[in-house]
Amino acid sequence: MSTEANELMTDQRLHAVVHGRVQGVNFRYYTVRKANELGLRGWVRNRWDGTVETLAEGPRTSLDRFVSWLRQGPSSASVVEVDVTWAEATGEFGDFRVTYTAS
């Protein structure tokens, strides 16, 4: 198996901050739904500055699809920008859920 193929199958960690009209439009609910559909683990939360933050782990291909979805969001949202950071997965999450405190 090539190094690139191996990276796509190995779990990775995505940290993303979504900017725009993303609070008060069920963004977190739809984020949980999409993450579960993609088999991801982690969390999503509203931040004090009006952004939505998410931390997700899973295969890179699923995370890439998740980022694409975050850039669009649900129809009620208006996403302006998504800041993305990649790291190695830690395996600390068992599911994907809304959180209300810093994780």
C-alpha atoms as a PDB file:
ATOM      1  CA  MET A   1       0.000   0.000   0.000  1.00  0.00           C
ATOM      2  CA  SER A   2       1.330   3.445  -0.866  1.00  0.00           C
ATOM      3  CA  THR A   3       2.101   6.017   1.816  1.00  0.00           C
ATOM      4  CA  GLU A   4      -0.679   8.255   0.482  1.00  0.00           C
ATOM      5  CA  ALA A   5      -3.258   5.428   0.615  1.00  0.00           C
ATOM      6  CA  ASN A   6      -2.143   4.545   4.139  1.00  0.00           C
ATOM      7  CA  GLU A   7      -2.591   8.165   5.264  1.00  0.00           C
ATOM      8  CA  LEU A   8      -6.135   8.192   3.876  1.00  0.00           C
ATOM      9  CA  MET A   9      -7.047   5.104   5.926  1.00  0.00           C
ATOM     10  CA  THR A  10      -5.276   6.135   9.159  1.00  0.00           C
ATOM     11  CA  ASP A  11      -7.328   8.159  11.623  1.00  0.00           C
ATOM     12  CA  GLN A  12      -6.433  11.818  11.845  1.00  0.00           C
ATOM     13  CA  ARG A  13      -7.641  14.785  13.901  1.00  0.00           C
ATOM     14  CA  LEU A  14      -9.350  17.845  12.487  1.00  0.00           C
ATOM     15  CA  HIS A  15      -9.858  21.068  14.417  1.00  0.00           C
ATOM     16  CA  ALA A  16     -12.107  23.582  12.664  1.00  0.00           C
ATOM     17  CA  VAL A  17     -13.600  26.967  13.516  1.00  0.00           C
ATOM     18  CA  VAL A  18     -16.566  27.981  11.373  1.00  0.00           C
ATOM     19  CA  HIS A  19     -17.236  31.707  10.856  1.00  0.00           C
ATOM     20  CA  GLY A  20     -20.424  33.358   9.619  1.00  0.00           C
ATOM     21  CA  ARG A  21     -24.083  33.123  10.635  1.00  0.00           C
ATOM     22  CA  VAL A  22     -23.632  29.755  12.334  1.00  0.00           C
ATOM     23  CA  GLN A  23     -25.257  30.150  15.747  1.00  0.00           C
ATOM     24  CA  GLY A  24     -29.010  30.009  16.269  1.00  0.00           C
ATOM     25  CA  VAL A  25     -29.482  28.080  12.993  1.00  0.00           C
ATOM     26  CA  ASN A  26     -29.154  24.455  14.275  1.00  0.00           C
ATOM     27  CA  PHE A  27     -25.555  24.266  13.016  1.00  0.00           C
ATOM     28  CA  ARG A  28     -24.450  22.056  15.913  1.00  0.00           C
ATOM     29  CA  TYR A  29     -27.374  19.642  15.435  1.00  0.00           C
ATOM     30  CA  TYR A  30     -26.603  19.186  11.735  1.00  0.00           C
ATOM     31  CA  THR A  31     -22.876  18.915  12.460  1.00  0.00           C
ATOM     32  CA  VAL A  32     -23.507  16.009  14.853  1.00  0.00           C
ATOM     33  CA  ARG A  33     -25.766  14.383  12.282  1.00  0.00           C
ATOM     34  CA  LYS A  34     -23.149  14.708   9.506  1.00  0.00           C
ATOM     35  CA  ALA A  35     -20.295  13.526  11.743  1.00  0.00           C
ATOM     36  CA  ASN A  36     -22.279  10.440  12.774  1.00  0.00           C
ATOM     37  CA  GLU A  37     -23.155   9.744   9.143  1.00  0.00           C
ATOM     38  CA  LEU A  38     -19.417   9.815   8.328  1.00  0.00           C
ATOM     39  CA  GLY A  39     -18.441   7.680  11.353  1.00  0.00           C
ATOM     40  CA  LEU A  40     -16.459  10.450  13.052  1.00  0.00           C
ATOM     41  CA  ARG A  41     -15.793  10.925  16.769  1.00  0.00           C
ATOM     42  CA  GLY A  42     -15.349  14.188  18.669  1.00  0.00           C
ATOM     43  CA  TRP A  43     -17.422  17.259  19.519  1.00  0.00           C
ATOM     44  CA  VAL A  44     -18.906  20.551  18.347  1.00  0.00           C
ATOM     45  CA  ARG A  45     -19.690  23.677  20.363  1.00  0.00           C
ATOM     46  CA  ASN A  46     -20.662  27.317  20.085  1.00  0.00           C
ATOM     47  CA  ARG A  47     -17.960  29.805  21.031  1.00  0.00           C
ATOM     48  CA  TRP A  48     -18.439  33.157  22.752  1.00  0.00           C
ATOM     49  CA  ASP A  49     -17.372  35.046  19.608  1.00  0.00           C
ATOM     50  CA  GLY A  50     -20.262  33.715  17.475  1.00  0.00           C
ATOM     51  CA  THR A  51     -18.260  30.992  15.740  1.00  0.00           C
ATOM     52  CA  VAL A  52     -18.750  27.232  15.946  1.00  0.00           C
ATOM     53  CA  GLU A  53     -15.785  25.024  16.835  1.00  0.00           C
ATOM     54  CA  THR A  54     -15.423  21.324  16.159  1.00  0.00           C
ATOM     55  CA  LEU A  55     -12.822  18.676  16.879  1.00  0.00           C
ATOM     56  CA  ALA A  56     -13.233  15.431  14.954  1.00  0.00           C
ATOM     57  CA  GLU A  57     -11.271  12.234  14.480  1.00  0.00           C
ATOM     58  CA  GLY A  58     -11.592   9.569  11.826  1.00  0.00           C
ATOM     59  CA  PRO A  59     -10.250   8.511   8.438  1.00  0.00           C
ATOM     60  CA  ARG A  60      -8.862  11.382   6.346  1.00  0.00           C
ATOM     61  CA  THR A  61     -11.334  10.721   3.524  1.00  0.00           C
ATOM     62  CA  SER A  62     -14.273  11.102   5.936  1.00  0.00           C
ATOM     63  CA  LEU A  63     -12.723  14.207   7.496  1.00  0.00           C
ATOM     64  CA  ASP A  64     -12.251  15.750   4.042  1.00  0.00           C
ATOM     65  CA  ARG A  65     -15.958  15.192   3.337  1.00  0.00           C
ATOM     66  CA  PHE A  66     -16.768  16.702   6.749  1.00  0.00           C
ATOM     67  CA  VAL A  67     -14.714  19.840   5.980  1.00  0.00           C
ATOM     68  CA  SER A  68     -16.510  20.187   2.644  1.00  0.00           C
ATOM     69  CA  TRP A  69     -19.828  20.006   4.478  1.00  0.00           C
ATOM     70  CA  LEU A  70     -18.661  22.536   7.123  1.00  0.00           C
ATOM     71  CA  ARG A  71     -17.823  25.010   4.351  1.00  0.00           C
ATOM     72  CA  GLN A  72     -21.469  24.801   3.206  1.00  0.00           C
ATOM     73  CA  GLY A  73     -23.303  24.077   6.486  1.00  0.00           C
ATOM     74  CA  PRO A  74     -27.051  23.565   6.770  1.00  0.00           C
ATOM     75  CA  SER A  75     -29.326  25.628   4.524  1.00  0.00           C
ATOM     76  CA  SER A  76     -30.196  27.990   7.406  1.00  0.00           C
ATOM     77  CA  ALA A  77     -26.524  28.943   7.930  1.00  0.00           C
ATOM     78  CA  SER A  78     -24.277  31.332   6.053  1.00  0.00           C
ATOM     79  CA  VAL A  79     -20.669  30.160   6.290  1.00  0.00           C
ATOM     80  CA  VAL A  80     -18.048  32.806   5.508  1.00  0.00           C
ATOM     81  CA  GLU A  81     -14.828  30.960   6.382  1.00  0.00           C
ATOM     82  CA  VAL A  82     -13.581  27.732   7.983  1.00  0.00           C
ATOM     83  CA  ASP A  83     -10.196  27.664   9.736  1.00  0.00           C
ATOM     84  CA  VAL A  84      -8.781  24.122   9.604  1.00  0.00           C
ATOM     85  CA  THR A  85      -5.887  22.529  11.494  1.00  0.00           C
ATOM     86  CA  TRP A  86      -4.748  18.899  11.128  1.00  0.00           C
ATOM     87  CA  ALA A  87      -3.030  16.682  13.712  1.00  0.00           C
ATOM     88  CA  GLU A  88      -2.579  13.033  14.644  1.00  0.00           C
ATOM     89  CA  ALA A  89      -5.621  11.333  16.171  1.00  0.00           C
ATOM     90  CA  THR A  90      -5.512  10.554  19.884  1.00  0.00           C
ATOM     91  CA  GLY A  91      -8.392   8.062  20.001  1.00  0.00           C
ATOM     92  CA  GLU A  92      -9.862   9.782  23.058  1.00  0.00           C
ATOM     93  CA  PHE A  93     -13.448  10.023  21.758  1.00  0.00           C
ATOM     94  CA  GLY A  94     -16.052   7.261  21.629  1.00  0.00           C
ATOM     95  CA  ASP A  95     -18.728   9.189  19.751  1.00  0.00           C
ATOM     96  CA  PHE A  96     -19.560  12.625  18.356  1.00  0.00           C
ATOM     97  CA  ARG A  97     -21.648  15.053  20.394  1.00  0.00           C
ATOM     98  CA  VAL A  98     -22.410  18.649  21.312  1.00  0.00           C
ATOM     99  CA  THR A  99     -20.296  19.924  24.180  1.00  0.00           C
ATOM    100  CA  TYR A 100     -20.830  23.086  26.186  1.00  0.00           C
ATOM    101  CA  THR A 101     -17.376  23.570  27.702  1.00  0.00           C
ATOM    102  CA  ALA A 102     -13.828  23.612  26.403  1.00  0.00           C
ATOM    103  CA  SER A 103     -12.762  20.050  25.689  1.00  0.00           C
END
